[in-house]
Protein backbone atom coordinates (compact mmCIF):
# COMPACT_ATOMS: atom_id res chain seq x y z
CA UNK A 1 -3.25 12.90 11.74
CA UNK A 2 0.33 13.97 11.71
CA UNK A 3 0.54 15.03 8.09
CA UNK A 4 -1.47 15.46 4.89
CA UNK A 5 -1.31 12.60 2.35
CA UNK A 6 0.06 15.17 -0.19
CA UNK A 7 3.13 15.72 2.05
CA UNK A 8 3.75 11.96 2.11
CA UNK A 9 3.33 11.77 -1.66
CA UNK A 10 5.72 14.63 -2.10
CA UNK A 11 8.38 12.91 -0.04
CA UNK A 12 8.03 9.53 -1.77
CA UNK A 13 8.10 11.17 -5.21
CA UNK A 14 11.22 13.14 -4.37
CA UNK A 15 12.89 10.23 -2.66
CA UNK A 16 11.74 7.01 -4.29
CA UNK A 17 14.92 5.19 -3.30
CA UNK A 18 13.88 5.40 0.41
CA UNK A 19 10.71 3.46 -0.08
CA UNK A 20 12.32 1.08 -2.53
CA UNK A 21 15.18 0.42 -0.07
CA UNK A 22 12.72 -0.77 2.62
CA UNK A 23 11.19 -3.21 0.22
CA UNK A 24 14.20 -4.50 -1.86
CA UNK A 25 17.28 -3.35 0.01
CA UNK A 26 19.96 -2.00 -2.35
CA UNK A 27 19.46 -4.58 -5.05
CA UNK A 28 17.05 -2.53 -7.18
CA UNK A 29 17.24 0.87 -8.88
CA UNK A 30 14.03 2.80 -7.99
CA UNK A 31 12.72 5.68 -10.12
CA UNK A 32 9.48 7.72 -10.31
CA UNK A 33 7.03 6.99 -13.17
CA UNK A 34 4.38 9.41 -12.11
CA UNK A 35 2.08 10.71 -9.37
CA UNK A 36 -1.63 11.47 -9.34
CA UNK A 37 -1.96 9.13 -12.33
CA UNK A 38 -5.58 8.73 -13.51
CA UNK A 39 -6.83 5.21 -14.48
CA UNK A 40 -10.36 3.79 -14.96
CA UNK A 41 -10.64 3.12 -11.13
CA UNK A 42 -9.54 6.50 -9.83
CA UNK A 43 -6.24 8.29 -9.31
CA UNK A 44 -3.09 6.47 -8.34
CA UNK A 45 -1.06 8.39 -5.71
CA UNK A 46 2.45 7.31 -6.82
CA UNK A 47 3.84 4.90 -9.47
CA UNK A 48 7.49 3.78 -9.05
CA UNK A 49 9.67 1.63 -11.18
CA UNK A 50 11.91 -0.96 -9.51
CA UNK A 51 14.45 -2.79 -11.63
CA UNK A 52 17.71 -4.75 -11.62
CA UNK A 53 19.53 -6.97 -14.12
CA UNK A 54 16.80 -9.69 -13.86
CA UNK A 55 13.54 -8.29 -12.78
CA UNK A 56 11.34 -5.27 -13.09
CA UNK A 57 8.29 -4.16 -11.19
CA UNK A 58 5.81 -1.26 -11.17
CA UNK A 59 5.13 -0.21 -7.51
CA UNK A 60 1.60 0.96 -7.12
CA UNK A 61 1.64 3.17 -3.96
CA UNK A 62 -1.40 4.30 -2.03
CA UNK A 63 -0.62 6.89 0.72
CA UNK A 64 -2.72 7.29 3.85
CA UNK A 65 -2.45 9.83 6.60
CA UNK A 66 -4.42 7.78 9.17
CA UNK A 67 -4.34 4.41 10.78
CA UNK A 68 -5.25 1.83 8.09
CA UNK A 69 -7.62 -0.99 8.87
CA UNK A 70 -7.93 -2.35 5.31
CA UNK A 71 -10.21 0.06 3.45
CA UNK A 72 -7.45 0.88 0.96
CA UNK A 73 -6.82 -2.74 0.04
CA UNK A 74 -9.49 -2.93 -2.60
CA UNK A 75 -8.55 0.49 -3.99
CA UNK A 76 -4.78 -0.25 -4.44
CA UNK A 77 -5.64 -3.74 -5.77
CA UNK A 78 -7.85 -2.17 -8.52
CA UNK A 79 -5.06 0.24 -9.34
CA UNK A 80 -2.56 -2.56 -9.62
CA UNK A 81 -4.98 -4.43 -11.99
CA UNK A 82 -5.30 -1.38 -14.17
CA UNK A 83 -1.52 -1.08 -14.48
CA UNK A 84 -1.27 -4.75 -15.44
CA UNK A 85 -3.90 -4.33 -18.12
CA UNK A 86 -2.23 -1.33 -19.66
CA UNK A 87 -1.13 -1.75 -23.30
CA UNK A 88 2.43 -0.71 -23.18
CA UNK A 89 2.75 -1.08 -26.97
CA UNK A 90 -0.14 1.10 -27.98
CA UNK A 91 0.96 3.89 -30.32
CA UNK A 92 4.32 2.32 -31.24
CA UNK A 93 5.28 2.47 -34.87
CA UNK A 94 5.33 -0.72 -36.82
CA UNK A 95 9.11 -0.66 -37.18
CA UNK A 96 9.35 -0.93 -33.32
CA UNK A 97 8.68 -4.60 -33.59
CA UNK A 98 11.50 -6.97 -34.72
CA UNK A 99 9.53 -8.66 -37.40
CA UNK A 100 7.03 -6.88 -39.65
CA UNK A 101 4.70 -9.90 -39.61
CA UNK A 102 4.81 -9.94 -35.76
CA UNK A 103 2.71 -7.55 -33.80
CA UNK A 104 1.76 -7.15 -30.13
CA UNK A 105 -0.85 -9.93 -30.52
CA UNK A 106 2.04 -12.34 -31.00
CA UNK A 107 4.97 -12.97 -28.72
CA UNK A 108 4.82 -9.41 -27.38
CA UNK A 109 1.65 -10.26 -25.45
CA UNK A 110 3.69 -12.50 -23.16
CA UNK A 111 5.70 -9.59 -21.89
CA UNK A 112 3.81 -8.79 -18.61
CA UNK A 113 3.78 -5.75 -16.35
CA UNK A 114 4.34 -7.08 -12.84
CA UNK A 115 3.02 -4.92 -10.12
CA UNK A 116 3.47 -4.74 -6.36
CA UNK A 117 0.51 -2.98 -4.53
CA UNK A 118 1.84 -0.93 -1.65
CA UNK A 119 -0.03 0.97 1.21
CA UNK A 120 1.95 3.50 3.16
CA UNK A 121 0.32 4.70 6.40
CA UNK A 122 1.25 5.74 9.96
CA UNK A 123 0.04 2.37 11.32
CA UNK A 124 -1.87 -0.77 10.42
CA UNK A 125 -4.30 -3.16 12.19
CA UNK A 126 -2.85 -6.48 13.15
CA UNK A 127 -5.40 -8.30 11.05
CA UNK A 128 -4.37 -6.34 7.90
CA UNK A 129 -0.74 -7.13 8.62
CA UNK A 130 -1.41 -10.89 8.69
CA UNK A 131 -3.72 -11.11 5.67
CA UNK A 132 -2.64 -8.47 3.13
CA UNK A 133 -1.04 -9.95 0.00
CA UNK A 134 0.77 -6.73 -0.98
CA UNK A 135 3.33 -4.61 0.97
CA UNK A 136 2.56 -2.46 3.99
CA UNK A 137 4.97 0.38 4.82
CA UNK A 138 4.68 2.25 8.11
CA UNK A 139 5.59 5.86 7.84
CA UNK A 140 6.72 8.03 10.77
CA UNK A 141 7.62 11.67 10.59
CA UNK A 142 10.14 13.46 12.83
CA UNK A 143 11.01 17.04 12.34
CA UNK A 144 9.65 17.01 8.78
CA UNK A 145 11.58 13.87 7.75
CA UNK A 146 9.86 10.60 6.95
CA UNK A 147 11.11 7.23 8.08
CA UNK A 148 9.78 3.95 6.56
CA UNK A 149 9.46 0.44 7.98
CA UNK A 150 7.96 -2.67 6.38
CA UNK A 151 5.14 -4.00 8.44
CA UNK A 152 3.35 -6.80 6.51
CA UNK A 153 3.62 -10.41 7.35
CA UNK A 154 5.35 -9.76 10.75
CA UNK A 155 2.63 -11.73 12.65
CA UNK A 156 1.60 -14.19 10.02
CA UNK A 157 0.33 -17.21 11.91
CA UNK A 158 2.17 -20.62 11.47
CA UNK A 159 -1.04 -22.28 10.20
CA UNK A 160 -1.27 -19.72 7.31
CA UNK A 161 2.41 -20.22 6.57
CA UNK A 162 1.79 -23.97 6.29
CA UNK A 163 -1.19 -23.48 3.97
CA UNK A 164 0.92 -21.12 1.80
CA UNK A 165 3.59 -23.72 1.46
CA UNK A 166 1.14 -26.43 0.48
CA UNK A 167 -0.63 -24.19 -2.11
CA UNK A 168 2.58 -22.63 -3.52
CA UNK A 169 3.48 -25.43 -6.00
CA UNK A 170 -0.12 -25.63 -7.24
CA UNK A 171 -0.29 -21.94 -7.86
CA UNK A 172 3.07 -21.85 -9.57
CA UNK A 173 2.23 -24.89 -11.73
CA UNK A 174 -1.12 -23.43 -12.76
CA UNK A 175 0.58 -20.16 -13.82
CA UNK A 176 3.21 -22.10 -15.78
CA UNK A 177 0.59 -24.29 -17.46
CA UNK A 178 -1.54 -21.34 -18.49
CA UNK A 179 1.44 -19.48 -19.89
CA UNK A 180 2.68 -22.54 -21.74
CA UNK A 181 -0.72 -23.14 -23.25
CA UNK A 182 -0.96 -19.50 -24.30
CA UNK A 183 2.48 -19.51 -25.89
CA UNK A 184 1.77 -22.79 -27.62
CA UNK A 185 -1.43 -21.36 -29.16
CA UNK A 186 0.42 -18.20 -30.31
CA UNK A 187 3.25 -20.29 -31.83
CA UNK A 188 0.75 -22.53 -33.63
CA UNK A 189 -1.02 -19.48 -35.10
CA UNK A 190 2.30 -18.13 -36.37
CA UNK A 191 3.21 -21.43 -37.96
CA UNK A 192 -0.13 -21.77 -39.60
CA UNK A 193 0.17 -18.20 -40.95
CA UNK A 194 3.58 -19.02 -42.51
CA UNK A 195 2.16 -22.27 -44.07
CA UNK A 196 -0.74 -20.36 -45.69
CA UNK A 197 1.60 -17.68 -47.07
CA UNK A 198 3.97 -20.26 -48.58
CA UNK A 199 1.07 -22.07 -50.28
């Protein structure tokens, strides 16, 4: 082990743009949301916010000081799920919503927190690099300075890429169908509510 996890956390928290730059390039502004953040599944090492004019993501970062074989995958996936389930409107005053009759059970519920689970470690197993669905960042330290390199997907086999390509439209369509159905139900409830109020 070349460093303590806390040292890596300290560096990422103080320099979030370095980690963000490896993932997104210079297209996104990266800022620190928090570190050692408790949730129902444990304590999240670092939370970062990546945003540009069109998109916004919460980066859920798990730091490791040793070679990672995949034990952290379930951990960081649970943390990402906890972030996605967070109620970002809890505690807001009623006048925070554009329409007094509308609340977070209406159209607001369709604003989602999108997460990217990230594991940062000195090295990763080849199997993890080919199968992990999040982002793997290799950290190297030289004279107290950390350097980051993205490592996931570098040796993804051609057969897996072909399978991904075949499944991609199915997955995208299922997400679109589910969201359309949910929005349609919400819209119908709002219309029915207005009808009852008028009568």
